[in-house]
Amino acid sequence: MPRVVLNQPPWPCVFFGDGGGPAAFGKELRRAYAKAGLYVVTGRAAGPDDEPLTVKTRVVVDAATDERR
């Protein structure tokens, strides 16, 4: 029987550390941050044996960004 886990984001996904919801992986990911600061970006996926895989990196935003640029 398949395991059902409730309230989990779709896999693979990225959390940008600013309180927004998860974003699906694609060829290119962009994020416009509203405030300067330190953010922890978290990527989640499944490993080769279907085990959970999490990668985190810190992102420093010097100034608010404008996604239209």
C-alpha atoms as a PDB file:
ATOM      1  CA  MET A   1       0.000   0.000   0.000  1.00  0.00           C
ATOM      2  CA  PRO A   2       1.442   3.457  -0.884  1.00  0.00           C
ATOM      3  CA  ARG A   3       2.430   5.710   1.977  1.00  0.00           C
ATOM      4  CA  VAL A   4       0.349   8.892   2.242  1.00  0.00           C
ATOM      5  CA  VAL A   5       1.889  11.968   3.852  1.00  0.00           C
ATOM      6  CA  LEU A   6      -0.375  14.945   4.418  1.00  0.00           C
ATOM      7  CA  ASN A   7       0.623  18.617   4.284  1.00  0.00           C
ATOM      8  CA  GLN A   8       3.832  17.986   2.341  1.00  0.00           C
ATOM      9  CA  PRO A   9       4.850  20.181  -0.617  1.00  0.00           C
ATOM     10  CA  PRO A  10       5.238  18.646  -4.063  1.00  0.00           C
ATOM     11  CA  TRP A  11       8.667  17.137  -4.711  1.00  0.00           C
ATOM     12  CA  PRO A  12      11.137  18.384  -5.764  1.00  0.00           C
ATOM     13  CA  CYS A  13      10.697  21.934  -4.472  1.00  0.00           C
ATOM     14  CA  VAL A  14      12.505  25.014  -3.178  1.00  0.00           C
ATOM     15  CA  PHE A  15      11.693  27.231  -0.201  1.00  0.00           C
ATOM     16  CA  PHE A  16      13.280  30.676  -0.541  1.00  0.00           C
ATOM     17  CA  GLY A  17      13.376  31.477   3.184  1.00  0.00           C
ATOM     18  CA  ASP A  18      11.101  34.513   3.062  1.00  0.00           C
ATOM     19  CA  GLY A  19       7.944  32.845   4.337  1.00  0.00           C
ATOM     20  CA  GLY A  20       6.469  32.137   0.904  1.00  0.00           C
ATOM     21  CA  GLY A  21       5.308  28.721  -0.151  1.00  0.00           C
ATOM     22  CA  PRO A  22       7.349  26.176  -2.054  1.00  0.00           C
ATOM     23  CA  ALA A  23       8.299  26.626  -5.710  1.00  0.00           C
ATOM     24  CA  ALA A  24       8.665  23.705  -8.088  1.00  0.00           C
ATOM     25  CA  PHE A  25      12.072  23.033  -9.622  1.00  0.00           C
ATOM     26  CA  GLY A  26      12.516  24.089 -13.221  1.00  0.00           C
ATOM     27  CA  LYS A  27      15.238  25.129 -15.625  1.00  0.00           C
ATOM     28  CA  GLU A  28      15.544  28.477 -13.877  1.00  0.00           C
ATOM     29  CA  LEU A  29      14.363  29.742 -10.505  1.00  0.00           C
ATOM     30  CA  ARG A  30      13.986  33.432  -9.651  1.00  0.00           C
ATOM     31  CA  ARG A  31      12.860  35.182  -6.511  1.00  0.00           C
ATOM     32  CA  ALA A  32      12.229  38.854  -5.803  1.00  0.00           C
ATOM     33  CA  TYR A  33      12.858  39.601  -2.135  1.00  0.00           C
ATOM     34  CA  ALA A  34      10.948  42.436  -0.484  1.00  0.00           C
ATOM     35  CA  LYS A  35      13.680  43.265   2.043  1.00  0.00           C
ATOM     36  CA  ALA A  36      17.428  43.076   2.280  1.00  0.00           C
ATOM     37  CA  GLY A  37      18.702  40.426   4.676  1.00  0.00           C
ATOM     38  CA  LEU A  38      20.018  36.908   5.139  1.00  0.00           C
ATOM     39  CA  TYR A  39      17.799  34.096   3.838  1.00  0.00           C
ATOM     40  CA  VAL A  40      18.215  30.324   3.987  1.00  0.00           C
ATOM     41  CA  VAL A  41      17.118  28.711   0.722  1.00  0.00           C
ATOM     42  CA  THR A  42      16.136  25.043   1.082  1.00  0.00           C
ATOM     43  CA  GLY A  43      15.841  22.525  -1.742  1.00  0.00           C
ATOM     44  CA  ARG A  44      14.009  19.275  -1.131  1.00  0.00           C
ATOM     45  CA  ALA A  45      13.894  16.213  -3.341  1.00  0.00           C
ATOM     46  CA  ALA A  46      14.144  12.428  -3.252  1.00  0.00           C
ATOM     47  CA  GLY A  47      17.505  10.661  -3.442  1.00  0.00           C
ATOM     48  CA  PRO A  48      18.382   7.640  -5.596  1.00  0.00           C
ATOM     49  CA  ASP A  49      16.749   5.212  -3.162  1.00  0.00           C
ATOM     50  CA  ASP A  50      13.716   7.517  -2.703  1.00  0.00           C
ATOM     51  CA  GLU A  51      15.126   8.798   0.614  1.00  0.00           C
ATOM     52  CA  PRO A  52      14.456  12.444   1.509  1.00  0.00           C
ATOM     53  CA  LEU A  53      17.216  14.807   0.383  1.00  0.00           C
ATOM     54  CA  THR A  54      17.535  18.376   1.694  1.00  0.00           C
ATOM     55  CA  VAL A  55      20.092  20.989   0.629  1.00  0.00           C
ATOM     56  CA  LYS A  56      20.353  24.402   2.304  1.00  0.00           C
ATOM     57  CA  THR A  57      22.330  27.492   1.353  1.00  0.00           C
ATOM     58  CA  ARG A  58      22.471  31.031   2.704  1.00  0.00           C
ATOM     59  CA  VAL A  59      21.622  33.932   0.400  1.00  0.00           C
ATOM     60  CA  VAL A  60      22.525  37.519   1.272  1.00  0.00           C
ATOM     61  CA  VAL A  61      20.258  40.142  -0.288  1.00  0.00           C
ATOM     62  CA  ASP A  62      21.871  43.592  -0.179  1.00  0.00           C
ATOM     63  CA  ALA A  63      18.781  45.459  -1.376  1.00  0.00           C
ATOM     64  CA  ALA A  64      15.197  44.705  -2.285  1.00  0.00           C
ATOM     65  CA  THR A  65      15.010  43.154  -5.752  1.00  0.00           C
ATOM     66  CA  ASP A  66      12.768  43.933  -8.673  1.00  0.00           C
ATOM     67  CA  GLU A  67      11.781  40.809 -10.614  1.00  0.00           C
ATOM     68  CA  ARG A  68      11.115  42.895 -13.739  1.00  0.00           C
ATOM     69  CA  ARG A  69      14.856  43.541 -14.263  1.00  0.00           C
END
